[in-house]
Every structure is written in structure tokens, then in C-alpha cells.
Amino acid sequence: MSEVKNAVVDRFKELCKERGIAANELANISGVTPSTVYSLFSESRNNVSITTIKILCDGLGLTLGEFFCTEKFDKLEQEIK
């Protein structure tokens, strides 16, 4: 799994834990199928669309800025050097 995808998945798991919700509930409050969330959390999935991230953030009542404003994203290595 890529470092960026790991950071995205870890952030959603962290937010679910903080709110006391399971992946299934994240799907329900976001209006997506549970398979969408389980697919996101799957190690076999390589890419996550920004649209999916936005929809899940909407369900959690977060802006994309709030979602990405963490040390984990700030510390990601530059892709282009």
C-alpha cells in the first residue's frame, strides 16, 4: 500500500475511532455502500479518489482541509524530487 493511501486510511480509521463508529456506519452516514468503505480499507486497493474522500468527509461533517490538516500528511515524503 502506498504511503499516501496508508495515511488516508489511517485518518479515516482514526476519525471513526474518535466518533465510536464502525466502517459500516461511516458508509451509512456518507451515503455510500459499505463495500466502498471496506474497499478503501483493503490493502489490495491502490488508489482512492478524491471524490470518495470528499463524500466520506461530508458524512463526517469535515472539510477536506480539516481531514488533511494533520501531521501525518505534513510528513509525507515529496513524490517529485
PDB file of N, CA and C in Angstrom:
ATOM      1  N   MET A   1       0.850  -1.173   0.000  1.00  0.00           N
ATOM      2  CA  MET A   1       0.000   0.000   0.000  1.00  0.00           C
ATOM      3  C   MET A   1       0.896   1.236   0.000  1.00  0.00           C
ATOM      4  N   SER A   2       0.529   2.224  -0.765  1.00  0.00           N
ATOM      5  CA  SER A   2       1.342   3.428  -0.833  1.00  0.00           C
ATOM      6  C   SER A   2       1.270   4.209   0.474  1.00  0.00           C
ATOM      7  N   GLU A   3       2.275   5.027   0.678  1.00  0.00           N
ATOM      8  CA  GLU A   3       2.343   5.844   1.883  1.00  0.00           C
ATOM      9  C   GLU A   3       1.148   6.804   1.974  1.00  0.00           C
ATOM     10  N   VAL A   4       0.755   7.371   0.837  1.00  0.00           N
ATOM     11  CA  VAL A   4      -0.372   8.309   0.815  1.00  0.00           C
ATOM     12  C   VAL A   4      -1.669   7.580   1.150  1.00  0.00           C
ATOM     13  N   LYS A   5      -1.877   6.428   0.524  1.00  0.00           N
ATOM     14  CA  LYS A   5      -3.106   5.678   0.799  1.00  0.00           C
ATOM     15  C   LYS A   5      -3.136   5.248   2.260  1.00  0.00           C
ATOM     16  N   ASN A   6      -2.001   4.813   2.792  1.00  0.00           N
ATOM     17  CA  ASN A   6      -1.945   4.450   4.208  1.00  0.00           C
ATOM     18  C   ASN A   6      -2.362   5.616   5.090  1.00  0.00           C
ATOM     19  N   ALA A   7      -1.898   6.805   4.745  1.00  0.00           N
ATOM     20  CA  ALA A   7      -2.239   7.990   5.533  1.00  0.00           C
ATOM     21  C   ALA A   7      -3.738   8.271   5.476  1.00  0.00           C
ATOM     22  N   VAL A   8      -4.338   8.125   4.300  1.00  0.00           N
ATOM     23  CA  VAL A   8      -5.780   8.357   4.140  1.00  0.00           C
ATOM     24  C   VAL A   8      -6.572   7.330   4.951  1.00  0.00           C
ATOM     25  N   VAL A   9      -6.221   6.070   4.805  1.00  0.00           N
ATOM     26  CA  VAL A   9      -6.927   5.004   5.530  1.00  0.00           C
ATOM     27  C   VAL A   9      -6.757   5.187   7.037  1.00  0.00           C
ATOM     28  N   ASP A  10      -5.543   5.464   7.470  1.00  0.00           N
ATOM     29  CA  ASP A  10      -5.297   5.676   8.900  1.00  0.00           C
ATOM     30  C   ASP A  10      -6.125   6.839   9.439  1.00  0.00           C
ATOM     31  N   ARG A  11      -6.235   7.897   8.646  1.00  0.00           N
ATOM     32  CA  ARG A  11      -7.011   9.072   9.084  1.00  0.00           C
ATOM     33  C   ARG A  11      -8.482   8.712   9.238  1.00  0.00           C
ATOM     34  N   PHE A  12      -9.047   7.985   8.273  1.00  0.00           N
ATOM     35  CA  PHE A  12     -10.457   7.595   8.399  1.00  0.00           C
ATOM     36  C   PHE A  12     -10.659   6.657   9.590  1.00  0.00           C
ATOM     37  N   LYS A  13      -9.745   5.736   9.805  1.00  0.00           N
ATOM     38  CA  LYS A  13      -9.858   4.836  10.951  1.00  0.00           C
ATOM     39  C   LYS A  13      -9.776   5.608  12.254  1.00  0.00           C
ATOM     40  N   GLU A  14      -8.887   6.583  12.314  1.00  0.00           N
ATOM     41  CA  GLU A  14      -8.746   7.435  13.494  1.00  0.00           C
ATOM     42  C   GLU A  14     -10.033   8.209  13.766  1.00  0.00           C
ATOM     43  N   LEU A  15     -10.615   8.768  12.712  1.00  0.00           N
ATOM     44  CA  LEU A  15     -11.856   9.534  12.860  1.00  0.00           C
ATOM     45  C   LEU A  15     -13.008   8.645  13.297  1.00  0.00           C
ATOM     46  N   CYS A  16     -13.084   7.441  12.750  1.00  0.00           N
ATOM     47  CA  CYS A  16     -14.141   6.501  13.155  1.00  0.00           C
ATOM     48  C   CYS A  16     -13.974   6.127  14.627  1.00  0.00           C
ATOM     49  N   LYS A  17     -12.744   5.878  15.041  1.00  0.00           N
ATOM     50  CA  LYS A  17     -12.481   5.517  16.432  1.00  0.00           C
ATOM     51  C   LYS A  17     -12.860   6.665  17.366  1.00  0.00           C
ATOM     52  N   GLU A  18     -12.487   7.895  17.003  1.00  0.00           N
ATOM     53  CA  GLU A  18     -12.823   9.075  17.815  1.00  0.00           C
ATOM     54  C   GLU A  18     -14.330   9.217  17.984  1.00  0.00           C
ATOM     55  N   ARG A  19     -15.065   8.884  16.935  1.00  0.00           N
ATOM     56  CA  ARG A  19     -16.527   9.055  16.951  1.00  0.00           C
ATOM     57  C   ARG A  19     -17.267   7.798  17.410  1.00  0.00           C
ATOM     58  N   GLY A  20     -16.526   6.727  17.606  1.00  0.00           N
ATOM     59  CA  GLY A  20     -17.139   5.478  18.042  1.00  0.00           C
ATOM     60  C   GLY A  20     -18.034   4.848  16.995  1.00  0.00           C
ATOM     61  N   ILE A  21     -17.614   4.956  15.730  1.00  0.00           N
ATOM     62  CA  ILE A  21     -18.410   4.361  14.658  1.00  0.00           C
ATOM     63  C   ILE A  21     -17.595   3.323  13.899  1.00  0.00           C
ATOM     64  N   ALA A  22     -18.292   2.360  13.342  1.00  0.00           N
ATOM     65  CA  ALA A  22     -17.662   1.308  12.540  1.00  0.00           C
ATOM     66  C   ALA A  22     -17.662   1.726  11.071  1.00  0.00           C
ATOM     67  N   ALA A  23     -16.928   0.990  10.273  1.00  0.00           N
ATOM     68  CA  ALA A  23     -16.849   1.264   8.838  1.00  0.00           C
ATOM     69  C   ALA A  23     -18.237   1.255   8.200  1.00  0.00           C
ATOM     70  N   ASN A  24     -19.080   0.337   8.638  1.00  0.00           N
ATOM     71  CA  ASN A  24     -20.443   0.241   8.112  1.00  0.00           C
ATOM     72  C   ASN A  24     -21.224   1.530   8.370  1.00  0.00           C
ATOM     73  N   GLU A  25     -21.073   2.081   9.564  1.00  0.00           N
ATOM     74  CA  GLU A  25     -21.777   3.320   9.903  1.00  0.00           C
ATOM     75  C   GLU A  25     -21.219   4.500   9.114  1.00  0.00           C
ATOM     76  N   LEU A  26     -19.895   4.521   8.895  1.00  0.00           N
ATOM     77  CA  LEU A  26     -19.301   5.565   8.054  1.00  0.00           C
ATOM     78  C   LEU A  26     -19.939   5.544   6.677  1.00  0.00           C
ATOM     79  N   ALA A  27     -20.127   4.357   6.133  1.00  0.00           N
ATOM     80  CA  ALA A  27     -20.786   4.224   4.835  1.00  0.00           C
ATOM     81  C   ALA A  27     -22.208   4.769   4.892  1.00  0.00           C
ATOM     82  N   ASN A  28     -22.948   4.380   5.915  1.00  0.00           N
ATOM     83  CA  ASN A  28     -24.350   4.816   6.032  1.00  0.00           C
ATOM     84  C   ASN A  28     -24.485   6.325   6.140  1.00  0.00           C
ATOM     85  N   ILE A  29     -23.671   6.962   6.991  1.00  0.00           N
ATOM     86  CA  ILE A  29     -23.812   8.409   7.173  1.00  0.00           C
ATOM     87  C   ILE A  29     -23.285   9.190   5.963  1.00  0.00           C
ATOM     88  N   SER A  30     -22.489   8.522   5.133  1.00  0.00           N
ATOM     89  CA  SER A  30     -21.927   9.172   3.949  1.00  0.00           C
ATOM     90  C   SER A  30     -22.739   8.900   2.688  1.00  0.00           C
ATOM     91  N   GLY A  31     -23.666   7.974   2.780  1.00  0.00           N
ATOM     92  CA  GLY A  31     -24.495   7.652   1.623  1.00  0.00           C
ATOM     93  C   GLY A  31     -23.790   6.819   0.566  1.00  0.00           C
ATOM     94  N   VAL A  32     -22.811   6.037   0.999  1.00  0.00           N
ATOM     95  CA  VAL A  32     -22.132   5.131   0.064  1.00  0.00           C
ATOM     96  C   VAL A  32     -22.384   3.699   0.513  1.00  0.00           C
ATOM     97  N   THR A  33     -22.071   2.771  -0.342  1.00  0.00           N
ATOM     98  CA  THR A  33     -22.262   1.375   0.024  1.00  0.00           C
ATOM     99  C   THR A  33     -21.163   0.953   1.006  1.00  0.00           C
ATOM    100  N   PRO A  34     -21.469   0.031   1.895  1.00  0.00           N
ATOM    101  CA  PRO A  34     -20.426  -0.469   2.792  1.00  0.00           C
ATOM    102  C   PRO A  34     -19.221  -1.008   2.029  1.00  0.00           C
ATOM    103  N   SER A  35     -19.460  -1.598   0.857  1.00  0.00           N
ATOM    104  CA  SER A  35     -18.330  -2.136   0.088  1.00  0.00           C
ATOM    105  C   SER A  35     -17.362  -1.032  -0.337  1.00  0.00           C
ATOM    106  N   THR A  36     -17.852   0.187  -0.503  1.00  0.00           N
ATOM    107  CA  THR A  36     -16.972   1.303  -0.836  1.00  0.00           C
ATOM    108  C   THR A  36     -15.979   1.553   0.288  1.00  0.00           C
ATOM    109  N   VAL A  37     -16.471   1.560   1.520  1.00  0.00           N
ATOM    110  CA  VAL A  37     -15.598   1.809   2.676  1.00  0.00           C
ATOM    111  C   VAL A  37     -14.670   0.624   2.899  1.00  0.00           C
ATOM    112  N   TYR A  38     -15.203  -0.586   2.829  1.00  0.00           N
ATOM    113  CA  TYR A  38     -14.352  -1.765   3.024  1.00  0.00           C
ATOM    114  C   TYR A  38     -13.285  -1.851   1.930  1.00  0.00           C
ATOM    115  N   SER A  39     -13.631  -1.452   0.714  1.00  0.00           N
ATOM    116  CA  SER A  39     -12.660  -1.426  -0.376  1.00  0.00           C
ATOM    117  C   SER A  39     -11.564  -0.402  -0.091  1.00  0.00           C
ATOM    118  N   LEU A  40     -11.960   0.755   0.433  1.00  0.00           N
ATOM    119  CA  LEU A  40     -10.984   1.781   0.805  1.00  0.00           C
ATOM    120  C   LEU A  40      -9.995   1.235   1.829  1.00  0.00           C
ATOM    121  N   PHE A  41     -10.495   0.497   2.806  1.00  0.00           N
ATOM    122  CA  PHE A  41      -9.660  -0.036   3.876  1.00  0.00           C
ATOM    123  C   PHE A  41      -8.837  -1.254   3.445  1.00  0.00           C
ATOM    124  N   SER A  42      -9.144  -1.813   2.277  1.00  0.00           N
ATOM    125  CA  SER A  42      -8.465  -3.008   1.797  1.00  0.00           C
ATOM    126  C   SER A  42      -7.042  -2.701   1.353  1.00  0.00           C
ATOM    127  N   GLU A  43      -6.119  -3.555   1.723  1.00  0.00           N
ATOM    128  CA  GLU A  43      -4.721  -3.378   1.316  1.00  0.00           C
ATOM    129  C   GLU A  43      -4.528  -3.599  -0.185  1.00  0.00           C
ATOM    130  N   SER A  44      -5.447  -4.308  -0.821  1.00  0.00           N
ATOM    131  CA  SER A  44      -5.285  -4.595  -2.246  1.00  0.00           C
ATOM    132  C   SER A  44      -5.666  -3.403  -3.135  1.00  0.00           C
ATOM    133  N   ARG A  45      -6.366  -2.441  -2.581  1.00  0.00           N
ATOM    134  CA  ARG A  45      -6.748  -1.272  -3.377  1.00  0.00           C
ATOM    135  C   ARG A  45      -5.606  -0.263  -3.368  1.00  0.00           C
ATOM    136  N   ASN A  46      -5.210   0.168  -4.545  1.00  0.00           N
ATOM    137  CA  ASN A  46      -4.062   1.067  -4.654  1.00  0.00           C
ATOM    138  C   ASN A  46      -4.430   2.542  -4.581  1.00  0.00           C
ATOM    139  N   ASN A  47      -5.512   2.924  -5.204  1.00  0.00           N
ATOM    140  CA  ASN A  47      -5.849   4.339  -5.304  1.00  0.00           C
ATOM    141  C   ASN A  47      -7.187   4.644  -4.639  1.00  0.00           C
ATOM    142  N   VAL A  48      -7.267   5.845  -4.110  1.00  0.00           N
ATOM    143  CA  VAL A  48      -8.509   6.338  -3.524  1.00  0.00           C
ATOM    144  C   VAL A  48      -8.816   7.646  -4.219  1.00  0.00           C
ATOM    145  N   SER A  49     -10.014   7.771  -4.745  1.00  0.00           N
ATOM    146  CA  SER A  49     -10.346   9.009  -5.456  1.00  0.00           C
ATOM    147  C   SER A  49     -10.628  10.125  -4.455  1.00  0.00           C
ATOM    148  N   ILE A  50     -10.301  11.323  -4.851  1.00  0.00           N
ATOM    149  CA  ILE A  50     -10.572  12.479  -4.000  1.00  0.00           C
ATOM    150  C   ILE A  50     -12.077  12.655  -3.828  1.00  0.00           C
ATOM    151  N   THR A  51     -12.846  12.228  -4.820  1.00  0.00           N
ATOM    152  CA  THR A  51     -14.301  12.303  -4.715  1.00  0.00           C
ATOM    153  C   THR A  51     -14.802  11.415  -3.577  1.00  0.00           C
ATOM    154  N   THR A  52     -14.271  10.206  -3.472  1.00  0.00           N
ATOM    155  CA  THR A  52     -14.652   9.302  -2.377  1.00  0.00           C
ATOM    156  C   THR A  52     -14.246   9.895  -1.036  1.00  0.00           C
ATOM    157  N   ILE A  53     -13.044  10.444  -0.964  1.00  0.00           N
ATOM    158  CA  ILE A  53     -12.596  11.072   0.284  1.00  0.00           C
ATOM    159  C   ILE A  53     -13.540  12.214   0.655  1.00  0.00           C
ATOM    160  N   LYS A  54     -13.918  13.035  -0.315  1.00  0.00           N
ATOM    161  CA  LYS A  54     -14.822  14.171  -0.070  1.00  0.00           C
ATOM    162  C   LYS A  54     -16.180  13.693   0.432  1.00  0.00           C
ATOM    163  N   ILE A  55     -16.731  12.670  -0.179  1.00  0.00           N
ATOM    164  CA  ILE A  55     -18.039  12.147   0.229  1.00  0.00           C
ATOM    165  C   ILE A  55     -17.987  11.625   1.667  1.00  0.00           C
ATOM    166  N   LEU A  56     -16.927  10.899   2.000  1.00  0.00           N
ATOM    167  CA  LEU A  56     -16.792  10.373   3.365  1.00  0.00           C
ATOM    168  C   LEU A  56     -16.585  11.520   4.355  1.00  0.00           C
ATOM    169  N   CYS A  57     -15.829  12.521   3.962  1.00  0.00           N
ATOM    170  CA  CYS A  57     -15.652  13.694   4.829  1.00  0.00           C
ATOM    171  C   CYS A  57     -16.979  14.405   5.048  1.00  0.00           C
ATOM    172  N   ASP A  58     -17.788  14.534   3.992  1.00  0.00           N
ATOM    173  CA  ASP A  58     -19.113  15.143   4.129  1.00  0.00           C
ATOM    174  C   ASP A  58     -19.941  14.396   5.166  1.00  0.00           C
ATOM    175  N   GLY A  59     -19.886  13.072   5.101  1.00  0.00           N
ATOM    176  CA  GLY A  59     -20.627  12.260   6.067  1.00  0.00           C
ATOM    177  C   GLY A  59     -20.163  12.483   7.491  1.00  0.00           C
ATOM    178  N   LEU A  60     -18.882  12.771   7.652  1.00  0.00           N
ATOM    179  CA  LEU A  60     -18.322  13.019   8.987  1.00  0.00           C
ATOM    180  C   LEU A  60     -18.433  14.481   9.401  1.00  0.00           C
ATOM    181  N   GLY A  61     -18.919  15.318   8.495  1.00  0.00           N
ATOM    182  CA  GLY A  61     -19.049  16.741   8.803  1.00  0.00           C
ATOM    183  C   GLY A  61     -17.719  17.469   8.804  1.00  0.00           C
ATOM    184  N   LEU A  62     -16.792  17.003   7.970  1.00  0.00           N
ATOM    185  CA  LEU A  62     -15.459  17.604   7.879  1.00  0.00           C
ATOM    186  C   LEU A  62     -15.235  18.208   6.502  1.00  0.00           C
ATOM    187  N   THR A  63     -14.447  19.259   6.459  1.00  0.00           N
ATOM    188  CA  THR A  63     -13.982  19.767   5.174  1.00  0.00           C
ATOM    189  C   THR A  63     -12.754  18.958   4.779  1.00  0.00           C
ATOM    190  N   LEU A  64     -12.379  19.040   3.516  1.00  0.00           N
ATOM    191  CA  LEU A  64     -11.153  18.377   3.084  1.00  0.00           C
ATOM    192  C   LEU A  64      -9.952  18.980   3.812  1.00  0.00           C
ATOM    193  N   GLY A  65      -9.988  20.277   4.047  1.00  0.00           N
ATOM    194  CA  GLY A  65      -8.908  20.928   4.782  1.00  0.00           C
ATOM    195  C   GLY A  65      -8.744  20.353   6.175  1.00  0.00           C
ATOM    196  N   GLU A  66      -9.864  20.138   6.867  1.00  0.00           N
ATOM    197  CA  GLU A  66      -9.811  19.548   8.206  1.00  0.00           C
ATOM    198  C   GLU A  66      -9.290  18.114   8.156  1.00  0.00           C
ATOM    199  N   PHE A  67      -9.712  17.378   7.138  1.00  0.00           N
ATOM    200  CA  PHE A  67      -9.274  15.991   7.000  1.00  0.00           C
ATOM    201  C   PHE A  67      -7.761  15.904   6.811  1.00  0.00           C
ATOM    202  N   PHE A  68      -7.242  16.741   5.913  1.00  0.00           N
ATOM    203  CA  PHE A  68      -5.824  16.649   5.566  1.00  0.00           C
ATOM    204  C   PHE A  68      -4.909  17.451   6.494  1.00  0.00           C
ATOM    205  N   CYS A  69      -5.465  18.236   7.391  1.00  0.00           N
ATOM    206  CA  CYS A  69      -4.649  19.079   8.269  1.00  0.00           C
ATOM    207  C   CYS A  69      -4.169  18.279   9.482  1.00  0.00           C
ATOM    208  N   THR A  70      -3.249  17.357   9.228  1.00  0.00           N
ATOM    209  CA  THR A  70      -2.668  16.556  10.298  1.00  0.00           C
ATOM    210  C   THR A  70      -1.175  16.396  10.038  1.00  0.00           C
ATOM    211  N   GLU A  71      -0.471  16.088  11.089  1.00  0.00           N
ATOM    212  CA  GLU A  71       0.968  15.884  10.985  1.00  0.00           C
ATOM    213  C   GLU A  71       1.310  14.736  10.037  1.00  0.00           C
ATOM    214  N   LYS A  72       0.450  13.716  10.034  1.00  0.00           N
ATOM    215  CA  LYS A  72       0.696  12.548   9.171  1.00  0.00           C
ATOM    216  C   LYS A  72       0.817  12.959   7.706  1.00  0.00           C
ATOM    217  N   PHE A  73      -0.061  13.842   7.235  1.00  0.00           N
ATOM    218  CA  PHE A  73       0.005  14.285   5.848  1.00  0.00           C
ATOM    219  C   PHE A  73       1.159  15.255   5.634  1.00  0.00           C
ATOM    220  N   ASP A  74       1.440  16.079   6.627  1.00  0.00           N
ATOM    221  CA  ASP A  74       2.551  17.026   6.514  1.00  0.00           C
ATOM    222  C   ASP A  74       3.892  16.318   6.388  1.00  0.00           C
ATOM    223  N   LYS A  75       4.009  15.134   6.974  1.00  0.00           N
ATOM    224  CA  LYS A  75       5.277  14.403   6.982  1.00  0.00           C
ATOM    225  C   LYS A  75       5.468  13.476   5.782  1.00  0.00           C
ATOM    226  N   LEU A  76       4.476  13.391   4.887  1.00  0.00           N
ATOM    227  CA  LEU A  76       4.629  12.530   3.714  1.00  0.00           C
ATOM    228  C   LEU A  76       5.785  13.024   2.862  1.00  0.00           C
ATOM    229  N   GLU A  77       6.556  12.089   2.366  1.00  0.00           N
ATOM    230  CA  GLU A  77       7.694  12.424   1.522  1.00  0.00           C
ATOM    231  C   GLU A  77       7.201  12.976   0.187  1.00  0.00           C
ATOM    232  N   GLN A  78       7.913  13.933  -0.350  1.00  0.00           N
ATOM    233  CA  GLN A  78       7.590  14.504  -1.650  1.00  0.00           C
ATOM    234  C   GLN A  78       7.647  13.423  -2.732  1.00  0.00           C
ATOM    235  N   GLU A  79       6.657  13.394  -3.610  1.00  0.00           N
ATOM    236  CA  GLU A  79       6.626  12.417  -4.698  1.00  0.00           C
ATOM    237  C   GLU A  79       7.572  12.836  -5.830  1.00  0.00           C
ATOM    238  N   ILE A  80       7.708  14.124  -6.035  1.00  0.00           N
ATOM    239  CA  ILE A  80       8.576  14.647  -7.102  1.00  0.00           C
ATOM    240  C   ILE A  80       9.768  15.291  -6.420  1.00  0.00           C
ATOM    241  N   LYS A  81      10.928  14.840  -6.790  1.00  0.00           N
ATOM    242  CA  LYS A  81      12.150  15.368  -6.161  1.00  0.00           C
ATOM    243  C   LYS A  81      13.020  16.072  -7.166  1.00  0.00           C
TER     244      LYS A  81
END
